[in-house]
Amino acid sequence: MMLRYIKILVCISSLGFFTISCEKDLDVVPEDNRITADQVFTSEDGYRAGLAKLYGGYSLSGQRGPFGLPDLKGLNEGFSNYLRLYWKLQELTTDEAVIGWDDGTIKDLHSQTWTSGNEFIRTMYDRLFFQIASCNSFIREITPEKVSERGLTDNDVIKSYRSEARFLRALTYWHAMDLYANPTFVTEKDKVGGFLPPQIKRAELFTYLEEELLAIENEISAVRTAQYGRADQGAVWTLLAKLYLNAEAYGVPERYNDCVTYCEKIINGGYSIDPSVPYNYLFLADNDSNGAQSEFIFTIPFDGLRTQSFGGTTFIVHAAVGGSMNPRADFGINGGWFGLRTTSGLIDKFGAPINQTEVFKRDDKGEVVLDDDGNRESLGFQQIWNDKRLLAYTPGQTKEINDISNFGDGYAIQKYRNITSTGEVGSDSEDHPDTDFPMFRLADVYLMYAESVLKGTSGDKAVAVGYINQLRQRAHEGSTSFNITEADLTEDFIIDERARELYWEGHRRTDLIRVKRFTENGVWPFKGNVPQGRTTASFRNIMPIPAKEIALNPDNLKQNPEYN
């Protein structure tokens, strides 16, 4: 993996990676001002190291592992991790996840009662534009002119590095557009120095992102030729497909036929779903090598020893463990954080359990523990579903939630683990998993294709059904008894199937907004801050521009409708 084998460059203020105040006012401090860009970017390896920092922007939160020299001040370094924040905003706001903690205003995310002062919404905005500014700085240093000045050739390798940086910036701007609609907008063409950046409208940003991605489509590495963890044509095509699928939600005319076109490019690009690889292998510590990687299009790599932070999959694995779950034997970690569970809204999409098995207390090695009388201590019953994608832990947990603060309320999710497919613990058995986060994978593309075929005029409905049945056969251990027909292919089915296949992978908020079920039409437990749930106002389909940003840049930034 790129981040496992390349030493991450300690980025420096003279490169602009940490002087973000010149593009946006963040609480960010320079870490080192002793090295100049001309000293660093003297070779392809120098540019490669700079690029590694951009990739590390999604998984890492600072310059010294989980503590010390954080990229951002404000929330603590673990809370301010990019992937951790993005995951929370995409999942905790939906029926797929709740969290039992009382940190600041975190519970306002699930209750959909957030304001423009919410610190998690604010810090996500800061993290997005820290990443964008880092990309802008790198792109300024890798122009053909700069490369030539430094005595280097603007060859295919350099061009690919430049295109990868532009892709990462586009990915980050997509997140900003999807969450905040009308964010700040700065590119490498803007001056470096003190100025207040302009705001861009969502439809204009959509056009910019489409043009950027089309411009780099044939300069970035060919599909499935990039080093694992790095972007290539497949990642570019997937992001284009995502834009087109959600076009109407972004305030532009529908683009379903274009989504079909790019899904077909991806599907024909050499990715595959190996039916012999169980679904849960996608989320294990060796998911870069256990067969699951054949369907990965773009991942955020994690290594327990080399990419340490308290965000990313460290957060997702630890925070989901609590109650009677066995952290060491089943998850390869030293303890649970008693935080994340799911709601009955997700569980019900998998139907009723078909069986159950009694679970007994075990030690860290997985051996059953006997009491003084030689009896096994029962922890309760594990429910078993036909659909093996539901990786829920039920002993000692209730399906319904009465008190979000109580970890026993709501079934626990055991989807991500720091255990390999052969049962070994990851490289760091204390805190940090090796489990990579699959941001884009083929199953998602199959489902995007099916939805676009249903809503557009191109594509083949029978082919779409075949793709979905591949996923359902894997989910049911090869059985074809749960296959669907063309008559089953409806919007209701697809949005539920996306939940069954992609839950906890950072898609749910965007999906629900696209089909108009996130606010005024959807209900799940504790949505709207009531136990039974209620609908909420449609203005919450867009997050507020943080109040701090408005205060700092009042002439340029206008708040999204109905937020103070």
Protein backbone atom coordinates (compact mmCIF):
# COMPACT_ATOMS: atom_id res chain seq x y z
CA MET A 1 0.00 0.00 0.00
CA MET A 2 1.25 3.45 -0.79
CA LEU A 3 0.98 4.73 2.77
CA ARG A 4 2.60 1.62 4.18
CA TYR A 5 5.77 1.81 2.14
CA ILE A 6 6.38 5.51 1.55
CA LYS A 7 7.64 7.67 4.36
CA ILE A 8 5.12 10.48 4.69
CA LEU A 9 6.65 13.86 4.00
CA VAL A 10 6.61 16.22 6.96
CA CYS A 11 4.89 19.06 5.15
CA ILE A 12 6.23 22.53 5.57
CA SER A 13 4.91 26.02 5.70
CA SER A 14 7.04 27.25 2.84
CA LEU A 15 5.25 24.78 0.57
CA GLY A 16 1.94 26.23 1.57
CA PHE A 17 0.68 22.94 3.03
CA PHE A 18 0.22 24.53 6.44
CA THR A 19 -0.27 28.20 5.62
CA ILE A 20 -3.94 27.64 5.05
CA SER A 21 -4.86 31.08 6.38
CA CYS A 22 -3.78 32.48 3.02
CA GLU A 23 -6.67 30.61 1.44
CA LYS A 24 -9.04 30.11 4.32
CA ASP A 25 -8.96 31.09 7.97
CA LEU A 26 -8.37 27.89 9.93
CA ASP A 27 -6.73 27.35 13.29
CA VAL A 28 -3.69 25.73 11.70
CA VAL A 29 -0.05 26.19 12.63
CA PRO A 30 3.06 25.65 10.49
CA GLU A 31 5.10 22.65 11.62
CA ASP A 32 8.49 23.41 10.09
CA ASN A 33 9.78 26.40 8.13
CA ARG A 34 13.32 25.26 7.45
CA ILE A 35 12.85 23.51 4.11
CA THR A 36 11.84 25.10 0.84
CA ALA A 37 9.85 23.62 -2.01
CA ASP A 38 12.88 23.80 -4.29
CA GLN A 39 14.78 21.61 -1.83
CA VAL A 40 12.05 18.99 -1.64
CA PHE A 41 10.87 18.73 -5.22
CA THR A 42 14.18 17.89 -6.85
CA SER A 43 13.20 14.44 -8.10
CA GLU A 44 10.26 12.19 -8.81
CA ASP A 45 10.75 10.75 -5.33
CA GLY A 46 10.35 14.21 -3.83
CA TYR A 47 7.06 14.68 -5.63
CA ARG A 48 6.01 11.18 -4.65
CA ALA A 49 6.57 12.02 -0.99
CA GLY A 50 4.52 15.19 -1.33
CA LEU A 51 1.73 13.22 -2.97
CA ALA A 52 1.82 10.75 -0.09
CA LYS A 53 0.91 13.56 2.28
CA LEU A 54 -2.20 14.27 0.22
CA TYR A 55 -3.31 10.64 0.42
CA GLY A 56 -2.48 10.67 4.12
CA GLY A 57 -4.85 13.60 4.56
CA TYR A 58 -7.79 11.17 4.66
CA SER A 59 -6.33 8.69 7.15
CA LEU A 60 -4.00 10.73 9.35
CA SER A 61 -4.65 13.71 11.57
CA GLY A 62 -1.18 15.12 12.09
CA GLN A 63 2.55 14.66 11.71
CA ARG A 64 3.34 12.30 14.61
CA GLY A 65 0.80 9.55 14.68
CA PRO A 66 -2.25 9.98 16.89
CA PHE A 67 -0.69 12.58 19.21
CA GLY A 68 1.39 15.68 18.63
CA LEU A 69 1.67 18.19 15.78
CA PRO A 70 -1.99 17.97 14.69
CA ASP A 71 -3.01 19.39 11.34
CA LEU A 72 -5.88 21.33 12.95
CA LYS A 73 -6.50 22.84 16.34
CA GLY A 74 -9.93 22.79 17.94
CA LEU A 75 -11.39 19.33 18.36
CA ASN A 76 -8.84 16.87 19.67
CA GLU A 77 -6.66 15.13 17.11
CA GLY A 78 -8.70 11.94 17.03
CA PHE A 79 -12.01 13.75 16.57
CA SER A 80 -10.61 15.91 13.75
CA ASN A 81 -9.59 13.04 11.46
CA TYR A 82 -11.05 13.42 7.94
CA LEU A 83 -12.53 9.95 7.52
CA ARG A 84 -13.88 9.88 11.08
CA LEU A 85 -15.69 13.19 10.59
CA TYR A 86 -16.98 12.29 7.13
CA TRP A 87 -18.23 8.90 8.34
CA LYS A 88 -20.09 10.53 11.23
CA LEU A 89 -21.84 13.07 9.03
CA GLN A 90 -22.81 10.40 6.49
CA GLU A 91 -23.88 7.68 8.95
CA LEU A 92 -24.87 9.15 12.33
CA THR A 93 -27.40 11.40 10.59
CA THR A 94 -29.25 8.35 9.23
CA ASP A 95 -30.98 5.11 10.24
CA GLU A 96 -27.69 3.18 10.00
CA ALA A 97 -25.86 4.37 13.11
CA VAL A 98 -26.20 5.99 16.52
CA ILE A 99 -23.48 6.80 19.03
CA GLY A 100 -23.86 6.66 22.79
CA TRP A 101 -21.40 9.38 23.73
CA ASP A 102 -22.17 12.87 25.06
CA ASP A 103 -19.19 14.64 23.51
CA GLY A 104 -20.28 18.18 22.72
CA THR A 105 -23.10 18.20 20.18
CA ILE A 106 -22.43 14.77 18.66
CA LYS A 107 -25.93 13.48 19.45
CA ASP A 108 -27.43 16.35 17.46
CA LEU A 109 -26.22 14.58 14.33
CA HIS A 110 -28.54 11.60 14.75
CA SER A 111 -31.42 13.66 16.12
CA GLN A 112 -31.06 16.05 13.16
CA THR A 113 -31.12 19.07 15.45
CA TRP A 114 -27.72 20.48 14.54
CA THR A 115 -27.01 24.19 14.20
CA SER A 116 -24.36 26.19 12.37
CA GLY A 117 -22.32 26.10 15.57
CA ASN A 118 -22.01 22.29 15.68
CA GLU A 119 -18.32 21.54 16.24
CA PHE A 120 -18.32 18.33 14.17
CA ILE A 121 -19.90 20.05 11.19
CA ARG A 122 -17.48 22.96 11.61
CA THR A 123 -14.39 20.77 11.87
CA MET A 124 -15.41 18.71 8.84
CA TYR A 125 -15.53 21.96 6.89
CA ASP A 126 -12.09 22.90 8.22
CA ARG A 127 -10.69 19.48 7.35
CA LEU A 128 -12.10 19.62 3.82
CA PHE A 129 -10.44 22.94 3.10
CA PHE A 130 -7.19 21.98 4.79
CA GLN A 131 -7.08 19.06 2.34
CA ILE A 132 -8.06 21.24 -0.62
CA ALA A 133 -5.40 23.81 0.27
CA SER A 134 -2.80 21.05 0.54
CA CYS A 135 -3.77 19.79 -2.91
CA ASN A 136 -3.66 23.32 -4.33
CA SER A 137 -0.16 23.83 -2.93
CA PHE A 138 1.10 20.59 -4.42
CA ILE A 139 -0.49 21.31 -7.81
CA ARG A 140 1.24 24.72 -7.89
CA GLU A 141 4.58 22.97 -7.41
CA ILE A 142 4.06 20.31 -10.10
CA THR A 143 3.07 22.44 -13.08
CA PRO A 144 5.01 21.70 -16.30
CA GLU A 145 6.80 25.03 -15.84
CA LYS A 146 7.87 24.29 -12.25
CA VAL A 147 8.99 20.78 -13.17
CA SER A 148 11.07 22.15 -16.05
CA GLU A 149 12.63 24.86 -13.86
CA ARG A 150 13.86 22.11 -11.52
CA GLY A 151 15.54 20.22 -14.35
CA LEU A 152 13.00 17.41 -14.46
CA THR A 153 11.01 15.98 -17.37
CA ASP A 154 7.25 16.35 -17.38
CA ASN A 155 6.89 12.63 -18.10
CA ASP A 156 4.00 10.23 -17.62
CA VAL A 157 4.92 9.66 -13.96
CA ILE A 158 4.86 13.37 -13.14
CA LYS A 159 1.66 13.83 -15.13
CA SER A 160 0.05 11.02 -13.18
CA TYR A 161 1.12 12.59 -9.87
CA ARG A 162 -0.41 15.89 -10.98
CA SER A 163 -3.61 14.14 -12.05
CA GLU A 164 -3.82 12.21 -8.78
CA ALA A 165 -3.58 15.45 -6.83
CA ARG A 166 -6.34 16.94 -8.98
CA PHE A 167 -8.46 13.83 -8.39
CA LEU A 168 -7.97 14.07 -4.61
CA ARG A 169 -8.95 17.72 -4.71
CA ALA A 170 -12.03 16.85 -6.79
CA LEU A 171 -12.96 14.08 -4.34
CA THR A 172 -12.69 16.53 -1.45
CA TYR A 173 -14.67 19.21 -3.27
CA TRP A 174 -17.34 16.58 -4.00
CA HIS A 175 -17.60 15.89 -0.28
CA ALA A 176 -17.83 19.65 0.35
CA MET A 177 -20.51 20.09 -2.32
CA ASP A 178 -22.50 17.08 -1.14
CA LEU A 179 -22.44 18.20 2.49
CA TYR A 180 -22.48 22.01 2.35
CA ALA A 181 -23.79 22.71 -1.18
CA ASN A 182 -22.27 26.18 -1.59
CA PRO A 183 -18.81 26.18 -0.02
CA THR A 184 -15.72 28.33 -0.27
CA PHE A 185 -13.87 27.90 -3.55
CA VAL A 186 -10.12 28.23 -4.11
CA THR A 187 -7.84 26.56 -6.67
CA GLU A 188 -4.13 26.61 -7.45
CA LYS A 189 -4.76 29.61 -9.72
CA ASP A 190 -5.65 31.87 -6.79
CA LYS A 191 -2.92 34.01 -5.30
CA VAL A 192 -1.02 32.89 -2.23
CA GLY A 193 -1.50 35.55 0.38
CA GLY A 194 -4.14 37.09 2.57
CA PHE A 195 -7.51 37.29 0.87
CA LEU A 196 -11.05 36.28 1.61
CA PRO A 197 -12.10 33.44 -0.69
CA PRO A 198 -15.33 33.52 -2.68
CA GLN A 199 -18.30 31.20 -2.37
CA ILE A 200 -19.37 28.95 -5.24
CA LYS A 201 -22.89 27.81 -6.04
CA ARG A 202 -23.54 24.10 -6.07
CA ALA A 203 -24.42 23.87 -9.76
CA GLU A 204 -21.24 25.76 -10.71
CA LEU A 205 -19.15 23.47 -8.54
CA PHE A 206 -20.77 20.46 -10.21
CA THR A 207 -19.65 21.80 -13.61
CA TYR A 208 -16.13 22.48 -12.32
CA LEU A 209 -15.79 18.95 -10.92
CA GLU A 210 -17.07 17.35 -14.11
CA GLU A 211 -14.60 19.36 -16.20
CA GLU A 212 -11.70 18.54 -13.85
CA LEU A 213 -12.40 14.83 -13.89
CA LEU A 214 -12.83 14.69 -17.66
CA ALA A 215 -9.56 16.62 -18.06
CA ILE A 216 -7.54 14.10 -16.04
CA GLU A 217 -9.35 10.96 -17.22
CA ASN A 218 -6.64 10.06 -19.74
CA GLU A 219 -3.63 11.47 -17.88
CA ILE A 220 -4.01 9.51 -14.67
CA SER A 221 -2.87 5.86 -14.54
CA ALA A 222 -4.93 3.46 -16.65
CA VAL A 223 -7.66 1.52 -14.90
CA ARG A 224 -6.32 -1.09 -12.44
CA THR A 225 -2.67 -0.16 -13.02
CA ALA A 226 -2.10 2.14 -10.04
CA GLN A 227 -0.43 1.04 -6.85
CA TYR A 228 -2.98 -0.20 -4.32
CA GLY A 229 -4.45 2.73 -2.41
CA ARG A 230 -3.81 5.24 -5.19
CA ALA A 231 -6.27 6.65 -7.69
CA ASP A 232 -6.43 5.63 -11.34
CA GLN A 233 -9.02 5.86 -14.12
CA GLY A 234 -11.39 3.63 -12.18
CA ALA A 235 -11.52 6.12 -9.31
CA VAL A 236 -12.07 9.01 -11.73
CA TRP A 237 -14.88 7.15 -13.49
CA THR A 238 -16.53 6.26 -10.18
CA LEU A 239 -16.50 9.84 -8.97
CA LEU A 240 -18.01 10.94 -12.29
CA ALA A 241 -20.71 8.28 -11.92
CA LYS A 242 -21.44 9.54 -8.40
CA LEU A 243 -21.79 13.10 -9.69
CA TYR A 244 -24.14 12.01 -12.45
CA LEU A 245 -26.25 9.77 -10.19
CA ASN A 246 -26.85 12.64 -7.77
CA ALA A 247 -27.14 15.42 -10.34
CA GLU A 248 -30.76 16.31 -9.57
CA ALA A 249 -30.03 16.46 -5.84
CA TYR A 250 -27.23 18.90 -6.69
CA GLY A 251 -29.60 21.21 -8.52
CA VAL A 252 -28.69 20.34 -12.12
CA PRO A 253 -30.66 18.40 -14.74
CA GLU A 254 -30.65 14.61 -14.38
CA ARG A 255 -27.68 12.70 -15.84
CA TYR A 256 -28.69 9.06 -15.40
CA ASN A 257 -27.59 8.04 -18.91
CA ASP A 258 -24.12 9.48 -18.23
CA CYS A 259 -24.04 7.54 -14.97
CA VAL A 260 -24.77 4.35 -16.93
CA THR A 261 -21.95 5.17 -19.37
CA TYR A 262 -19.37 5.54 -16.63
CA CYS A 263 -20.63 2.58 -14.63
CA GLU A 264 -20.14 0.47 -17.76
CA LYS A 265 -16.58 1.74 -18.09
CA ILE A 266 -15.88 0.67 -14.52
CA ILE A 267 -17.62 -2.68 -14.83
CA ASN A 268 -15.64 -3.45 -17.98
CA GLY A 269 -12.41 -2.22 -16.39
CA GLY A 270 -11.29 -5.51 -14.88
CA TYR A 271 -12.78 -5.36 -11.38
CA SER A 272 -14.54 -8.48 -10.17
CA ILE A 273 -16.47 -9.99 -7.31
CA ASP A 274 -15.07 -13.38 -6.42
CA PRO A 275 -18.02 -15.53 -5.29
CA SER A 276 -15.67 -17.64 -3.19
CA VAL A 277 -14.72 -14.61 -1.05
CA PRO A 278 -17.26 -14.08 1.77
CA TYR A 279 -18.75 -10.63 2.23
CA ASN A 280 -17.11 -10.10 5.62
CA TYR A 281 -13.63 -10.44 4.06
CA LEU A 282 -14.15 -6.94 2.62
CA PHE A 283 -13.75 -5.48 6.11
CA LEU A 284 -10.97 -7.55 7.68
CA ALA A 285 -7.37 -6.64 8.48
CA ASP A 286 -6.07 -8.32 5.30
CA ASN A 287 -8.70 -6.92 2.93
CA ASP A 288 -5.87 -5.70 0.70
CA SER A 289 -4.83 -9.28 -0.06
CA ASN A 290 -7.55 -11.80 0.91
CA GLY A 291 -9.40 -11.71 -2.41
CA ALA A 292 -11.71 -8.83 -1.50
CA GLN A 293 -9.36 -6.34 -3.16
CA SER A 294 -10.47 -7.50 -6.63
CA GLU A 295 -13.58 -5.32 -6.27
CA PHE A 296 -11.90 -2.31 -4.62
CA ILE A 297 -11.73 0.75 -6.85
CA PHE A 298 -10.40 3.27 -4.33
CA THR A 299 -9.52 2.62 -0.71
CA ILE A 300 -8.20 4.59 2.25
CA PRO A 301 -5.37 2.32 3.44
CA PHE A 302 -4.60 1.81 7.11
CA ASP A 303 -1.64 0.10 8.71
CA GLY A 304 -1.64 -0.51 12.45
CA LEU A 305 2.01 0.42 12.81
CA ARG A 306 2.54 3.05 10.11
CA THR A 307 -0.71 5.00 9.75
CA GLN A 308 -1.81 5.52 13.32
CA SER A 309 -4.66 7.84 14.25
CA PHE A 310 -7.78 7.65 16.36
CA GLY A 311 -9.92 8.23 13.30
CA GLY A 312 -10.56 6.08 10.26
CA THR A 313 -11.02 2.39 10.89
CA THR A 314 -9.48 2.74 14.36
CA PHE A 315 -12.58 4.70 15.28
CA ILE A 316 -15.02 2.48 13.38
CA VAL A 317 -13.65 -0.76 14.89
CA HIS A 318 -13.18 0.41 18.48
CA ALA A 319 -16.31 2.54 18.81
CA ALA A 320 -18.51 -0.35 17.66
CA VAL A 321 -17.28 -2.71 20.40
CA GLY A 322 -18.84 -2.85 23.86
CA GLY A 323 -21.27 -4.79 26.01
CA SER A 324 -20.42 -8.51 26.09
CA MET A 325 -18.44 -8.39 22.83
CA ASN A 326 -14.90 -9.84 23.07
CA PRO A 327 -12.48 -7.12 21.88
CA ARG A 328 -9.33 -9.21 21.68
CA ALA A 329 -10.57 -12.55 20.37
CA ASP A 330 -13.15 -11.24 17.90
CA PHE A 331 -11.82 -7.82 16.90
CA GLY A 332 -8.07 -7.89 17.51
CA ILE A 333 -8.11 -4.79 19.70
CA ASN A 334 -7.37 -4.09 23.35
CA GLY A 335 -10.79 -2.78 24.24
CA GLY A 336 -14.05 -1.34 23.01
CA TRP A 337 -15.18 2.26 23.19
CA PHE A 338 -18.89 1.48 23.83
CA GLY A 339 -20.22 3.90 21.22
CA LEU A 340 -21.66 2.89 17.85
CA ARG A 341 -24.72 0.72 17.21
CA THR A 342 -27.48 0.62 14.63
CA THR A 343 -31.22 1.17 14.66
CA SER A 344 -34.07 -1.23 13.99
CA GLY A 345 -34.55 0.69 10.75
CA LEU A 346 -31.48 -1.01 9.28
CA ILE A 347 -32.05 -4.38 10.96
CA ASP A 348 -35.58 -4.68 9.57
CA LYS A 349 -34.29 -4.42 6.01
CA PHE A 350 -32.77 -7.88 6.40
CA GLY A 351 -36.01 -9.57 7.44
CA ALA A 352 -36.58 -11.76 10.47
CA PRO A 353 -33.83 -13.97 11.90
CA ILE A 354 -34.04 -17.60 10.84
CA ASN A 355 -32.28 -19.07 13.86
CA GLN A 356 -30.22 -18.27 16.92
CA THR A 357 -27.29 -19.75 18.76
CA GLU A 358 -26.26 -19.39 22.40
CA VAL A 359 -23.05 -17.45 23.01
CA PHE A 360 -20.78 -18.14 25.97
CA LYS A 361 -18.17 -15.96 27.65
CA ARG A 362 -14.65 -16.48 26.28
CA ASP A 363 -11.18 -15.29 27.18
CA ASP A 364 -8.86 -13.26 24.96
CA LYS A 365 -7.75 -16.43 23.16
CA GLY A 366 -11.33 -17.37 22.34
CA GLU A 367 -11.55 -20.23 24.84
CA VAL A 368 -14.83 -20.66 26.72
CA VAL A 369 -14.52 -19.55 30.35
CA LEU A 370 -15.89 -21.83 33.07
CA ASP A 371 -17.06 -20.64 36.49
CA ASP A 372 -16.00 -22.23 39.77
CA ASP A 373 -18.64 -24.91 39.31
CA GLY A 374 -17.40 -25.80 35.84
CA ASN A 375 -20.37 -24.23 34.09
CA ARG A 376 -20.26 -22.05 30.99
CA GLU A 377 -21.48 -18.48 31.43
CA SER A 378 -24.09 -17.60 28.82
CA LEU A 379 -24.01 -14.13 27.30
CA GLY A 380 -27.32 -14.55 25.49
CA PHE A 381 -28.30 -15.50 21.97
CA GLN A 382 -26.81 -14.50 18.64
CA GLN A 383 -29.50 -14.01 16.03
CA ILE A 384 -28.81 -15.52 12.61
CA TRP A 385 -30.15 -14.12 9.36
CA ASN A 386 -30.34 -15.62 5.90
CA ASP A 387 -28.54 -12.57 4.52
CA LYS A 388 -24.95 -12.90 5.71
CA ARG A 389 -24.25 -9.23 5.05
CA LEU A 390 -25.90 -8.35 8.35
CA LEU A 391 -22.91 -8.54 10.67
CA ALA A 392 -24.80 -7.68 13.84
CA TYR A 393 -24.00 -8.73 17.41
CA THR A 394 -27.13 -9.39 19.47
CA PRO A 395 -26.29 -11.13 22.81
CA GLY A 396 -27.07 -8.68 25.60
CA GLN A 397 -28.32 -6.11 23.07
CA THR A 398 -31.89 -5.05 22.39
CA LYS A 399 -33.08 -4.38 18.88
CA GLU A 400 -35.01 -1.27 19.89
CA ILE A 401 -33.38 1.79 21.41
CA ASN A 402 -34.83 3.41 24.51
CA ASP A 403 -31.71 5.22 25.65
CA ILE A 404 -29.00 6.05 23.11
CA SER A 405 -26.45 6.47 25.93
CA ASN A 406 -26.88 2.82 26.91
CA PHE A 407 -24.67 0.65 24.69
CA GLY A 408 -27.03 -2.30 25.20
CA ASP A 409 -29.80 -0.42 23.38
CA GLY A 410 -29.55 -1.19 19.67
CA TYR A 411 -27.84 -4.12 18.01
CA ALA A 412 -24.08 -3.76 17.76
CA ILE A 413 -22.41 -3.93 14.34
CA GLN A 414 -19.32 -6.10 13.91
CA LYS A 415 -18.61 -5.33 10.27
CA TYR A 416 -15.04 -4.00 10.59
CA ARG A 417 -12.40 -6.02 12.45
CA ASN A 418 -8.65 -6.02 13.06
CA ILE A 419 -8.62 -9.77 12.40
CA THR A 420 -7.41 -11.39 9.17
CA SER A 421 -9.24 -13.96 7.10
CA THR A 422 -7.00 -16.64 8.66
CA GLY A 423 -7.87 -15.54 12.20
CA GLU A 424 -4.69 -13.59 12.97
CA VAL A 425 -4.65 -10.28 14.81
CA GLY A 426 -3.48 -7.24 12.82
CA SER A 427 0.02 -5.83 13.11
CA ASP A 428 -0.88 -3.62 16.10
CA SER A 429 -3.05 -5.60 18.46
CA GLU A 430 -3.39 -2.72 20.90
CA ASP A 431 -5.21 0.09 19.14
CA HIS A 432 -4.78 0.62 15.42
CA PRO A 433 -6.23 -1.77 12.81
CA ASP A 434 -4.78 -2.77 9.45
CA THR A 435 -8.30 -2.70 8.00
CA ASP A 436 -8.56 -0.53 4.88
CA PHE A 437 -11.65 1.56 4.24
CA PRO A 438 -13.31 0.82 0.86
CA MET A 439 -14.46 4.23 -0.34
CA PHE A 440 -15.38 2.99 -3.84
CA ARG A 441 -16.03 -0.65 -4.73
CA LEU A 442 -17.65 -2.57 -7.54
CA ALA A 443 -20.81 -3.53 -5.64
CA ASP A 444 -21.65 0.15 -5.29
CA VAL A 445 -21.19 0.60 -9.05
CA TYR A 446 -23.51 -2.35 -9.78
CA LEU A 447 -26.19 -0.68 -7.67
CA MET A 448 -25.59 2.74 -9.26
CA TYR A 449 -25.96 1.13 -12.68
CA ALA A 450 -29.25 -0.51 -11.67
CA GLU A 451 -30.67 2.72 -10.25
CA SER A 452 -29.67 4.71 -13.32
CA VAL A 453 -31.11 2.11 -15.70
CA LEU A 454 -34.37 2.30 -13.78
CA LYS A 455 -34.52 6.11 -13.96
CA GLY A 456 -32.85 6.79 -17.31
CA THR A 457 -33.25 5.59 -20.88
CA SER A 458 -30.00 3.71 -21.44
CA GLY A 459 -28.54 0.49 -20.10
CA ASP A 460 -30.12 -2.92 -19.81
CA LYS A 461 -32.55 -3.82 -17.04
CA ALA A 462 -31.83 -7.54 -17.35
CA VAL A 463 -28.10 -6.87 -17.00
CA ALA A 464 -28.78 -4.73 -13.92
CA VAL A 465 -30.75 -7.57 -12.35
CA GLY A 466 -27.84 -9.91 -13.05
CA TYR A 467 -25.42 -7.60 -11.24
CA ILE A 468 -27.66 -7.36 -8.20
CA ASN A 469 -28.12 -11.13 -8.12
CA GLN A 470 -24.34 -11.53 -7.97
CA LEU A 471 -24.42 -9.53 -4.73
CA ARG A 472 -27.40 -11.43 -3.37
CA GLN A 473 -25.85 -14.81 -4.13
CA ARG A 474 -22.71 -13.80 -2.23
CA ALA A 475 -24.93 -12.58 0.61
CA HIS A 476 -26.70 -15.95 0.75
CA GLU A 477 -23.61 -18.15 0.40
CA GLY A 478 -24.19 -19.05 -3.25
CA SER A 479 -27.92 -19.71 -3.05
CA THR A 480 -30.01 -18.44 -5.95
CA SER A 481 -33.21 -18.69 -3.92
CA PHE A 482 -33.05 -14.97 -3.11
CA ASN A 483 -32.45 -13.74 -6.65
CA ILE A 484 -34.70 -10.98 -7.92
CA THR A 485 -36.46 -10.51 -11.25
CA GLU A 486 -36.93 -7.39 -13.35
CA ALA A 487 -40.30 -6.84 -11.70
CA ASP A 488 -38.55 -6.49 -8.34
CA LEU A 489 -36.26 -3.71 -9.57
CA THR A 490 -37.90 -0.63 -8.07
CA GLU A 491 -36.54 2.46 -6.37
CA ASP A 492 -37.73 1.11 -3.00
CA PHE A 493 -35.86 -2.13 -3.59
CA ILE A 494 -32.64 -0.45 -4.74
CA ILE A 495 -32.39 2.00 -1.84
CA ASP A 496 -32.95 -0.86 0.63
CA GLU A 497 -30.46 -3.08 -1.20
CA ARG A 498 -27.90 -0.28 -1.03
CA ALA A 499 -28.41 -0.25 2.74
CA ARG A 500 -28.00 -4.01 2.96
CA GLU A 501 -24.83 -4.03 0.84
CA LEU A 502 -23.18 -0.73 1.78
CA TYR A 503 -24.18 0.08 5.36
CA TRP A 504 -21.48 1.81 7.42
CA GLU A 505 -19.45 2.60 4.30
CA GLY A 506 -20.28 6.31 4.21
CA HIS A 507 -23.03 6.36 1.56
CA ARG A 508 -26.32 6.45 3.44
CA ARG A 509 -26.95 10.19 3.91
CA THR A 510 -26.29 10.90 0.22
CA ASP A 511 -28.47 7.97 -0.85
CA LEU A 512 -31.43 9.00 1.30
CA ILE A 513 -31.27 12.61 0.12
CA ARG A 514 -31.24 11.49 -3.52
CA VAL A 515 -34.48 9.54 -3.08
CA LYS A 516 -36.01 12.21 -0.83
CA ARG A 517 -36.14 10.11 2.35
CA PHE A 518 -33.55 11.83 4.51
CA THR A 519 -35.71 14.52 6.07
CA GLU A 520 -39.41 15.04 5.36
CA ASN A 521 -40.18 11.47 4.20
CA GLY A 522 -38.04 9.21 6.38
CA VAL A 523 -38.53 8.11 10.00
CA TRP A 524 -36.23 6.06 12.24
CA PRO A 525 -35.62 5.83 16.01
CA PHE A 526 -34.55 9.10 17.65
CA LYS A 527 -34.60 11.04 14.41
CA GLY A 528 -35.95 14.46 15.33
CA ASN A 529 -34.91 13.82 18.95
CA VAL A 530 -37.89 11.65 19.86
CA PRO A 531 -37.63 7.91 20.64
CA GLN A 532 -40.05 6.79 17.91
CA GLY A 533 -38.56 9.18 15.37
CA ARG A 534 -40.25 11.80 13.20
CA THR A 535 -39.76 13.63 9.95
CA THR A 536 -37.55 16.72 9.86
CA ALA A 537 -37.43 19.87 7.75
CA SER A 538 -36.03 19.54 4.24
CA PHE A 539 -33.49 22.33 4.71
CA ARG A 540 -31.40 19.76 6.62
CA ASN A 541 -30.63 18.01 3.35
CA ILE A 542 -27.78 20.51 3.29
CA MET A 543 -25.42 21.14 6.20
CA PRO A 544 -24.95 24.72 7.41
CA ILE A 545 -21.89 26.74 6.52
CA PRO A 546 -20.18 26.94 9.94
CA ALA A 547 -21.04 30.15 11.78
CA LYS A 548 -17.34 30.86 12.30
CA GLU A 549 -16.78 30.91 8.55
CA ILE A 550 -19.60 33.38 8.02
CA ALA A 551 -18.23 35.64 10.75
CA LEU A 552 -14.75 35.64 9.22
CA ASN A 553 -15.89 36.18 5.64
CA PRO A 554 -19.29 37.91 5.80
CA ASP A 555 -19.03 39.75 2.48
CA ASN A 556 -18.49 36.57 0.47
CA LEU A 557 -20.18 33.76 2.38
CA LYS A 558 -23.95 33.48 2.64
CA GLN A 559 -25.54 30.95 4.96
CA ASN A 560 -27.55 28.07 3.52
CA PRO A 561 -31.32 28.63 3.77
CA GLU A 562 -33.06 28.46 7.16
CA TYR A 563 -29.87 28.22 9.21
CA ASN A 564 -28.95 31.09 11.52
